[in-house]
Protein backbone atom coordinates (compact mmCIF):
# COMPACT_ATOMS: atom_id res chain seq x y z
CA MET A 1 0.28 -0.14 0.03
CA ALA A 2 1.12 3.71 -0.63
CA ARG A 3 2.11 6.47 1.87
CA ILE A 4 -0.34 9.68 1.97
CA LEU A 5 -0.07 12.81 2.83
CA VAL A 6 -2.95 15.31 3.57
CA LEU A 7 -2.38 18.23 3.63
CA ASP A 8 -4.77 20.91 5.03
CA GLY A 9 -5.75 18.69 8.26
CA HIS A 10 -8.44 21.41 9.49
CA SER A 11 -10.95 20.77 6.32
CA ALA A 12 -14.40 18.79 6.64
CA ALA A 13 -12.67 17.16 2.72
CA ALA A 14 -9.36 17.00 4.70
CA LEU A 15 -11.80 14.19 7.04
CA ALA A 16 -12.50 12.60 4.60
CA VAL A 17 -10.03 11.48 2.57
CA THR A 18 -7.86 10.13 5.92
CA ARG A 19 -10.52 8.39 6.59
CA SER A 20 -11.13 6.93 2.79
CA ALA A 21 -7.89 6.39 2.25
CA GLY A 22 -6.79 4.09 5.17
CA ARG A 23 -10.10 2.02 4.85
CA ALA A 24 -8.01 1.19 1.93
CA GLY A 25 -4.85 0.07 3.81
CA HIS A 26 -2.30 2.93 3.31
CA TRP A 27 -0.47 4.21 5.37
CA VAL A 28 -1.85 7.96 6.00
CA SER A 29 -0.30 11.11 7.09
CA VAL A 30 -1.99 14.51 7.92
CA GLY A 31 -0.89 17.46 7.20
CA ALA A 32 -1.77 21.17 9.26
CA ASN A 33 -0.54 24.97 9.93
CA ARG A 34 1.60 25.38 13.38
CA GLY A 35 -1.04 25.54 16.10
CA LEU A 36 -4.36 24.97 14.21
CA PHE A 37 -6.35 22.83 15.04
CA ALA A 38 -7.05 19.69 12.87
CA ALA A 39 -9.60 17.06 13.10
CA ALA A 40 -8.03 14.75 10.13
CA ALA A 41 -4.65 14.02 12.53
CA LEU A 42 -6.75 12.92 15.25
CA SER A 43 -8.23 9.15 12.91
CA ARG A 44 -8.00 6.59 14.06
CA TYR A 45 -6.28 6.14 9.88
CA CYS A 46 -3.34 8.91 10.56
CA SER A 47 -0.17 7.55 11.50
CA THR A 48 1.24 10.35 12.47
CA ARG A 49 0.71 14.38 11.74
CA LEU A 50 3.65 17.13 10.32
CA GLU A 51 3.47 20.76 11.44
CA TYR A 52 4.27 23.05 9.27
CA PRO A 53 5.14 26.48 8.82
CA VAL A 54 1.27 28.72 7.81
CA SER A 55 0.93 28.16 3.57
CA THR A 56 -0.46 31.75 3.61
CA SER A 57 2.02 33.98 4.99
CA GLU A 58 5.03 31.85 5.06
CA PRO A 59 4.48 29.65 1.11
CA GLU A 60 7.88 29.20 0.87
CA ALA A 61 9.11 27.79 3.97
CA PHE A 62 5.97 25.71 3.90
CA VAL A 63 7.10 24.31 0.76
CA GLU A 64 9.95 23.49 2.10
CA SER A 65 8.56 22.17 4.88
CA VAL A 66 6.71 19.60 2.99
CA LEU A 67 9.81 18.75 0.84
CA GLU A 68 11.36 17.52 3.70
CA PHE A 69 8.96 15.36 5.20
CA VAL A 70 8.25 13.71 1.44
CA ARG A 71 11.46 12.84 1.79
CA ALA A 72 12.48 11.53 5.47
CA GLN A 73 8.83 10.30 5.30
CA ALA A 74 9.80 8.57 1.67
CA ILE A 75 6.20 9.89 0.75
CA ASP A 76 3.84 8.53 -2.52
CA LEU A 77 1.29 10.49 -2.69
CA VAL A 78 0.66 14.41 -1.48
CA ILE A 79 -2.34 15.08 -1.40
CA PRO A 80 -3.39 19.65 -1.18
CA ILE A 81 -6.97 20.02 0.01
CA THR A 82 -7.80 23.86 -0.39
CA ASP A 83 -6.59 26.57 -2.43
CA TRP A 84 -3.96 27.69 0.48
CA THR A 85 -1.84 24.71 -0.07
CA LEU A 86 -3.08 24.70 -3.81
CA GLY A 87 -1.32 27.31 -4.42
CA PRO A 88 2.36 27.57 -3.17
CA LEU A 89 2.58 23.62 -4.30
CA SER A 90 1.31 24.66 -7.45
CA ALA A 91 4.20 27.40 -8.43
CA HIS A 92 6.74 24.49 -7.36
CA ARG A 93 4.82 21.60 -8.32
CA GLU A 94 8.75 21.13 -10.83
CA ARG A 95 10.53 19.71 -7.36
CA PHE A 96 8.06 16.98 -6.34
CA VAL A 97 8.58 15.37 -9.81
CA GLU A 98 11.27 13.25 -9.31
CA LEU A 99 10.29 12.48 -5.56
CA SER A 100 6.26 12.04 -4.56
CA ARG A 101 3.05 12.56 -6.84
CA VAL A 102 0.66 15.64 -5.57
CA THR A 103 -2.87 16.07 -6.77
CA MET A 104 -3.68 19.01 -8.47
CA PRO A 105 -4.77 20.54 -11.67
CA SER A 106 -3.00 21.55 -14.17
CA GLN A 107 -1.04 25.06 -13.43
CA GLU A 108 -3.89 26.51 -16.51
CA ALA A 109 -7.00 25.02 -15.35
CA LEU A 110 -5.88 25.60 -11.55
CA GLU A 111 -5.27 29.86 -12.48
CA PHE A 112 -8.20 29.66 -14.84
CA ALA A 113 -10.96 28.14 -12.19
CA SER A 114 -9.15 30.04 -9.21
CA ASP A 115 -10.38 33.43 -11.00
CA LYS A 116 -13.99 33.38 -10.07
CA TYR A 117 -14.15 36.20 -13.16
CA ARG A 118 -13.10 34.58 -15.92
CA THR A 119 -15.30 31.31 -14.84
CA ILE A 120 -17.95 33.51 -15.02
CA LYS A 121 -17.39 34.71 -18.18
CA LEU A 122 -16.64 31.34 -19.41
CA ALA A 123 -19.79 29.97 -18.30
CA GLU A 124 -21.82 32.87 -19.78
CA SER A 125 -20.12 31.93 -23.43
CA LEU A 126 -21.12 28.04 -22.81
CA GLY A 127 -24.74 28.85 -22.74
CA ILE A 128 -24.77 28.42 -18.14
CA GLY A 129 -26.74 30.45 -16.64
CA VAL A 130 -24.39 33.17 -14.50
CA PRO A 131 -25.48 36.14 -12.07
CA GLY A 132 -25.83 38.99 -13.15
CA THR A 133 -21.81 40.04 -12.73
CA LEU A 134 -19.52 43.45 -12.58
CA LEU A 135 -15.54 43.77 -12.44
CA VAL A 136 -14.34 46.78 -10.69
CA GLU A 137 -11.25 47.83 -10.44
CA SER A 138 -11.40 51.39 -9.12
CA THR A 139 -14.60 53.25 -7.01
CA GLY A 140 -15.28 54.81 -10.62
CA ASP A 141 -16.23 51.68 -12.12
CA LEU A 142 -19.16 51.48 -10.15
CA SER A 143 -20.75 53.99 -12.77
CA GLN A 144 -21.41 51.17 -14.99
CA PHE A 145 -23.49 49.31 -12.50
CA GLN A 146 -26.83 49.03 -13.38
CA ARG A 147 -28.59 50.09 -10.23
CA GLY A 148 -30.70 47.05 -9.90
CA PRO A 149 -32.94 45.66 -7.04
CA PHE A 150 -30.38 45.36 -2.93
CA PRO A 151 -29.30 43.25 -1.80
CA VAL A 152 -26.31 42.62 -3.92
CA VAL A 153 -23.09 40.78 -3.89
CA VAL A 154 -19.73 41.93 -3.52
CA LYS A 155 -17.25 38.97 -3.59
CA ASP A 156 -14.15 38.49 -4.31
CA ARG A 157 -12.69 37.66 -7.68
CA PHE A 158 -10.51 34.54 -6.26
CA SER A 159 -10.31 33.41 -3.23
CA VAL A 160 -6.85 33.75 -1.70
CA ARG A 161 -4.38 35.26 -4.13
CA TRP A 162 -0.89 35.63 -3.36
CA THR A 163 1.46 39.13 -3.33
CA ALA A 164 4.47 39.53 -2.10
CA GLY A 165 4.98 36.03 -0.97
CA ARG A 166 1.77 36.51 0.93
CA ALA A 167 -2.52 35.73 0.74
CA VAL A 168 -4.85 37.63 0.60
CA PHE A 169 -7.74 36.56 1.65
CA GLY A 170 -11.13 36.74 -0.69
CA SER A 171 -14.42 37.58 1.11
CA VAL A 172 -18.64 37.37 0.20
CA ALA A 173 -20.42 40.57 1.60
CA TYR A 174 -23.71 41.89 1.05
CA ALA A 175 -25.10 45.38 0.57
CA TYR A 176 -28.26 46.86 0.91
CA ALA A 177 -27.73 50.61 -0.26
CA PRO A 178 -25.66 52.39 -2.62
CA PRO A 179 -23.98 54.10 -0.03
CA GLU A 180 -23.24 50.34 1.57
CA LEU A 181 -21.82 49.13 -1.50
CA GLU A 182 -19.41 52.10 -2.17
CA ASP A 183 -17.64 51.41 1.49
CA LYS A 184 -17.60 48.38 0.64
CA VAL A 185 -16.18 47.73 -3.00
CA ALA A 186 -13.21 50.69 -2.22
CA ASP A 187 -12.42 48.44 1.18
CA ARG A 188 -12.25 45.27 -1.39
CA VAL A 189 -10.24 47.86 -3.92
CA ARG A 190 -7.32 48.79 -1.09
CA ALA A 191 -6.84 45.29 0.05
CA ALA A 192 -7.10 42.50 -2.63
CA GLY A 193 -6.91 45.25 -6.09
CA ASP A 194 -10.20 44.50 -7.96
CA VAL A 195 -13.54 43.29 -6.63
CA LEU A 196 -17.16 41.34 -8.30
CA ILE A 197 -21.10 43.28 -7.86
CA GLN A 198 -22.90 40.41 -8.66
CA GLU A 199 -26.56 40.52 -8.17
CA PHE A 200 -28.56 38.14 -5.56
CA THR A 201 -29.40 34.56 -6.29
CA SER A 202 -32.09 33.00 -4.54
CA GLY A 203 -33.04 29.10 -4.60
CA ILE A 204 -32.31 25.75 -3.92
CA GLY A 205 -28.39 25.28 -3.83
CA LEU A 206 -28.06 22.03 -6.18
CA GLY A 207 -24.43 20.54 -6.93
CA PHE A 208 -22.78 17.67 -9.11
CA SER A 209 -19.74 16.37 -9.18
CA CYS A 210 -17.69 13.26 -11.32
CA PHE A 211 -14.00 12.24 -12.32
CA MET A 212 -12.55 14.20 -15.53
CA ILE A 213 -10.08 12.13 -17.54
CA GLY A 214 -9.05 13.15 -21.07
CA GLY A 215 -12.09 14.95 -21.22
CA GLN A 216 -14.31 11.95 -20.29
CA ALA A 217 -17.14 12.24 -16.73
CA PHE A 218 -16.34 9.54 -14.47
CA LEU A 219 -18.58 9.08 -11.65
CA PRO A 220 -20.86 11.35 -12.34
CA PHE A 221 -23.15 12.30 -9.25
CA GLN A 222 -25.51 14.95 -7.75
CA TRP A 223 -26.10 16.22 -4.56
CA GLN A 224 -28.53 19.14 -2.73
CA ARG A 225 -28.85 21.53 0.05
CA ILE A 226 -30.42 21.69 3.20
CA ARG A 227 -28.85 24.05 5.14
CA GLU A 228 -26.27 25.90 4.92
CA VAL A 229 -23.74 27.59 7.50
CA ASP A 230 -25.05 30.59 6.85
CA PRO A 231 -28.43 30.80 6.02
CA ARG A 232 -27.03 33.62 3.43
CA GLY A 233 -25.08 31.70 1.72
CA SER A 234 -21.60 29.37 2.51
CA ALA A 235 -21.00 25.72 2.82
CA SER A 236 -23.87 23.20 3.53
CA SER A 237 -24.03 22.19 7.22
CA ALA A 238 -26.85 19.70 5.46
CA ARG A 239 -27.55 18.19 2.21
CA LYS A 240 -28.87 15.04 0.60
CA SER A 241 -28.38 12.69 -2.79
CA VAL A 242 -30.94 13.54 -5.46
CA PRO A 243 -30.83 11.57 -9.26
CA LEU A 244 -29.71 12.78 -11.68
CA ASP A 245 -30.71 15.95 -13.66
CA SER A 246 -29.64 15.76 -17.75
CA SER A 247 -29.51 18.52 -17.96
CA LEU A 248 -28.02 20.12 -14.84
CA VAL A 249 -24.84 16.60 -15.63
CA SER A 250 -24.58 18.12 -19.82
CA LEU A 251 -23.95 21.79 -18.99
CA SER A 252 -21.56 20.92 -15.57
CA VAL A 253 -19.46 17.94 -17.84
CA LYS A 254 -18.93 21.02 -20.86
CA LEU A 255 -17.50 23.38 -17.87
CA ILE A 256 -15.02 21.26 -16.25
CA ARG A 257 -14.08 20.25 -19.88
CA GLU A 258 -13.59 23.19 -20.63
CA ILE A 259 -11.22 24.03 -17.67
CA GLY A 260 -9.69 21.57 -18.55
CA PHE A 261 -9.45 19.57 -14.76
CA GLU A 262 -8.08 16.58 -14.81
CA GLY A 263 -9.05 14.63 -11.46
CA ILE A 264 -12.14 14.76 -8.66
CA ALA A 265 -13.75 17.84 -9.73
CA MET A 266 -17.88 20.12 -8.74
CA VAL A 267 -19.94 22.59 -9.50
CA GLU A 268 -22.66 24.05 -7.79
CA TYR A 269 -25.66 26.52 -9.20
CA LYS A 270 -28.96 27.86 -7.66
CA LYS A 271 -32.04 26.77 -8.77
CA THR A 272 -34.31 29.58 -8.77
CA ALA A 273 -37.64 29.46 -8.46
CA ASP A 274 -38.44 29.34 -12.61
CA GLY A 275 -36.44 26.84 -12.86
CA ARG A 276 -33.05 28.21 -13.94
CA LEU A 277 -29.53 26.41 -13.19
CA ILE A 278 -26.90 29.57 -12.17
CA LEU A 279 -23.54 29.05 -11.67
CA MET A 280 -22.75 29.08 -7.94
CA GLU A 281 -18.35 27.65 -8.04
CA ILE A 282 -16.43 25.13 -9.24
CA ASN A 283 -13.46 23.39 -7.19
CA GLY A 284 -11.04 20.97 -8.84
CA ARG A 285 -9.79 20.13 -5.84
CA PRO A 286 -11.37 17.87 -2.75
CA TRP A 287 -14.64 19.98 -1.31
CA GLY A 288 -16.56 20.11 2.23
CA SER A 289 -18.85 17.63 1.39
CA ILE A 290 -17.18 15.06 -0.33
CA GLY A 291 -17.88 12.94 2.48
CA LEU A 292 -21.89 12.41 0.92
CA PRO A 293 -20.54 10.75 -2.22
CA VAL A 294 -18.46 8.50 -0.17
CA ALA A 295 -21.46 7.79 2.47
CA SER A 296 -23.51 7.33 -1.57
CA GLY A 297 -21.20 4.60 -2.77
CA ILE A 298 -18.56 6.60 -5.25
CA ASP A 299 -15.84 7.11 -2.83
CA TYR A 300 -14.01 9.79 -5.51
CA PRO A 301 -10.49 9.44 -2.57
CA ARG A 302 -9.52 5.69 -3.34
CA TYR A 303 -10.82 6.32 -7.31
CA LEU A 304 -8.56 9.67 -6.70
CA ILE A 305 -5.89 7.75 -5.19
CA GLU A 306 -5.88 4.50 -7.57
CA TRP A 307 -6.00 6.91 -11.00
CA SER A 308 -2.93 8.97 -9.30
CA LEU A 309 -0.51 6.66 -8.51
CA GLN A 310 -1.51 3.74 -10.83
CA GLY A 311 -3.30 5.31 -13.74
CA ASN A 312 -6.79 2.97 -13.02
CA LEU A 313 -9.57 4.28 -14.45
CA PRO A 314 -12.51 4.45 -11.98
CA PRO A 315 -15.93 2.96 -13.20
CA GLN A 316 -17.84 5.12 -16.28
CA GLU A 317 -21.08 4.82 -13.61
CA ILE A 318 -22.44 4.24 -9.95
CA SER A 319 -25.42 3.43 -9.00
CA TYR A 320 -25.29 5.67 -5.92
CA ARG A 321 -28.13 5.56 -2.92
CA THR A 322 -29.70 8.55 -3.36
CA ASN A 323 -32.27 10.18 -0.26
CA VAL A 324 -29.19 9.63 1.88
CA THR A 325 -28.34 12.76 4.26
CA CYS A 326 -25.44 14.24 5.37
CA ARG A 327 -24.79 16.44 8.29
CA ARG A 328 -21.47 18.12 10.27
CA VAL A 329 -22.43 18.57 13.66
CA VAL A 330 -20.32 21.52 14.14
CA GLY A 331 -21.51 22.91 10.82
CA GLU A 332 -25.22 23.00 12.03
CA LEU A 333 -23.60 24.14 15.85
CA THR A 334 -22.79 27.32 13.51
CA HIS A 335 -25.79 28.02 11.57
CA LEU A 336 -27.87 27.52 14.72
CA SER A 337 -26.00 30.21 16.07
CA ASN A 338 -26.61 32.41 13.10
CA ILE A 339 -30.02 32.17 12.87
CA ARG A 340 -30.26 33.11 16.56
CA ALA A 341 -28.73 36.18 15.51
CA GLY A 342 -31.76 37.53 13.24
CA ARG A 343 -32.76 37.66 9.91
CA PRO A 344 -31.18 40.59 8.77
CA ALA A 345 -33.09 43.72 8.19
CA ASN A 346 -33.87 44.16 4.29
CA TRP A 347 -33.01 40.61 3.90
CA PRO A 348 -35.01 39.28 0.79
CA GLY A 349 -36.90 36.45 0.78
CA ALA A 350 -37.50 33.71 3.16
CA TYR A 351 -34.94 33.44 5.70
CA PRO A 352 -34.84 29.91 8.66
CA ASN A 353 -37.15 30.12 11.88
CA PHE A 354 -34.98 29.42 15.24
CA TRP A 355 -37.00 27.20 17.18
CA SER A 356 -38.09 25.45 13.81
CA SER A 357 -34.31 24.37 12.70
CA LEU A 358 -33.97 23.20 16.55
CA PHE A 359 -36.64 20.47 16.67
CA THR A 360 -36.00 19.39 13.29
CA MET A 361 -32.51 19.27 13.71
CA ALA A 362 -32.17 17.64 17.06
CA VAL A 363 -32.89 14.40 15.97
CA PRO A 364 -29.97 12.80 16.02
CA TRP A 365 -30.49 9.86 13.24
CA LEU A 366 -32.88 9.45 11.15
CA PRO A 367 -32.77 5.85 8.03
CA GLY A 368 -30.37 7.30 5.59
CA MET A 369 -28.65 9.95 7.40
CA CYS A 370 -25.03 9.80 8.51
CA TYR A 371 -22.60 12.44 9.45
CA ASP A 372 -19.19 14.05 8.34
CA ASP A 373 -17.37 14.27 11.20
CA VAL A 374 -19.03 11.74 14.28
CA TRP A 375 -18.55 8.69 13.31
CA LEU A 376 -18.84 5.64 15.88
CA SER A 377 -15.82 3.91 14.44
CA ASP A 378 -13.56 6.83 14.27
CA LEU A 379 -15.04 9.14 17.25
CA ARG A 380 -12.62 11.04 18.33
CA PRO A 381 -11.92 14.11 15.33
CA GLY A 382 -15.97 14.44 16.08
CA ILE A 383 -16.35 14.51 19.29
CA ALA A 384 -13.21 16.91 19.58
CA GLY A 385 -14.55 19.03 16.54
CA ILE A 386 -17.93 19.88 19.05
CA ARG A 387 -15.73 20.36 22.04
CA ASN A 388 -13.08 22.85 19.82
CA TRP A 389 -16.23 24.92 18.26
CA PHE A 390 -17.55 25.71 21.82
CA GLN A 391 -13.84 26.72 23.71
CA ALA A 392 -13.85 28.72 20.17
CA ARG A 393 -17.35 30.38 21.24
CA LEU A 394 -16.27 30.81 24.82
CA LYS A 395 -12.90 32.40 24.47
CA SER A 396 -14.17 34.79 21.81
CA LYS A 397 -17.31 35.92 24.67
CA PRO A 398 -15.75 39.13 25.84
C-alpha cells in the first residue's frame, strides 16, 4: 500500500480523504498549519502528523517543510485540499517530480478556475446561467453598475490570491444600499485590487461532481443542499444525494471539460423559482461535502488515489444511493448560532426560523442519515471538533 500525506487537516474534506485512504489500507499522515486545530490528524487512520509553517503567510517555508517530510517519510502521494496549499505547491510542482506525486489540476486549469470572473465569462459563453456580474477595479467603475434590486453581492475575484509572498484572502459580503456598496467596494479594491459585484440569486442549492479524465466524465453524482452554515449563503451543513438531472450533468461536464480539469471536480448552482440553473462555484479539488458521495457509494478519494498512483480508471458510472442525508455537527451548530441572531435587516425572501430549525435538527438519526464528522468507528475527530467549536466561542466572548 502507498504512503500518503493529506494536507489541510483542519478541513472537512481532509477528514473524508484520510478516512477513505486509511480504510483502503494506505499509510496516512495528516499535515496542517502550526497551531491550527486539525480534526483529520485525530483520526484512527492517521499514523503521524506534520505541522508545517503557515502556508498563507510563509509559502516558501511551507513548501520546504513538505518537501523535507516527503523525503524523510518516502511519501508516494501528496493530497492538497484547499487553496491555502494548492497555490504554493503548484508554483513549485516541478520540485516534487522526482520525489512524489501531487494530486492537483494543471497550472493552467488551476489559474482559470481560481479566477471567478474568467469562470463566469466562460460559463456565459457556453450558455450556462450566471448571476449578473460586474468587475470593479476602481470606485469609478461603479458608474457602470446598473442599479437594480438590493441586496447585491460584493465578492472577491479570487478566494485567495498571492501578493509579495503572502495570501490576500477573499471575502463575500452583501450591500443593501448604494452608500454601503460604495464603502464595501472601496475596501476590497484597496485590499485586493479589484472586486466583483453580483446580483443576488436565491433558490435551491444543487451540486454536481464527477471524475474527469481525458475530457471524459466518470462517476457522475448530484446532491441538494438542505441547510447552509450561513443561511445567507455559504458551505452546506446538511445535504442529500439526489438522482442525476441530465441537463445539469450536461452543463457541468461541458464547463469542467472546457476549463481543462483532470481528476475530481464539482460544480454548484442555485435553481431559481422559475427553474433556471445559475452557476455559483466550481472546484477542481476535494470539496467540503465530499463525505456525501462517499456515504452514497462513490468513494472519490479512493479512486483519486488509485488513478494518481497506478493510472487506474474509475468506473464509468455507479448507481449510488439517493436520499442519503449527510450532516456536519459543527456546521449545524454554526447554522443555529447564525439564525439565532435573527433575520438580517432588509433580507429578501425566506429566512429560517430558529425554533423550527432546532426542532428539526435535534433529531440525531433517521434512516439514510449520516455525518461528515461524527463516526462511531472513528469518534475522536468528531467529538474533538465539537469541543473545539464550544471552546472557540467561549474564548470569543468578552
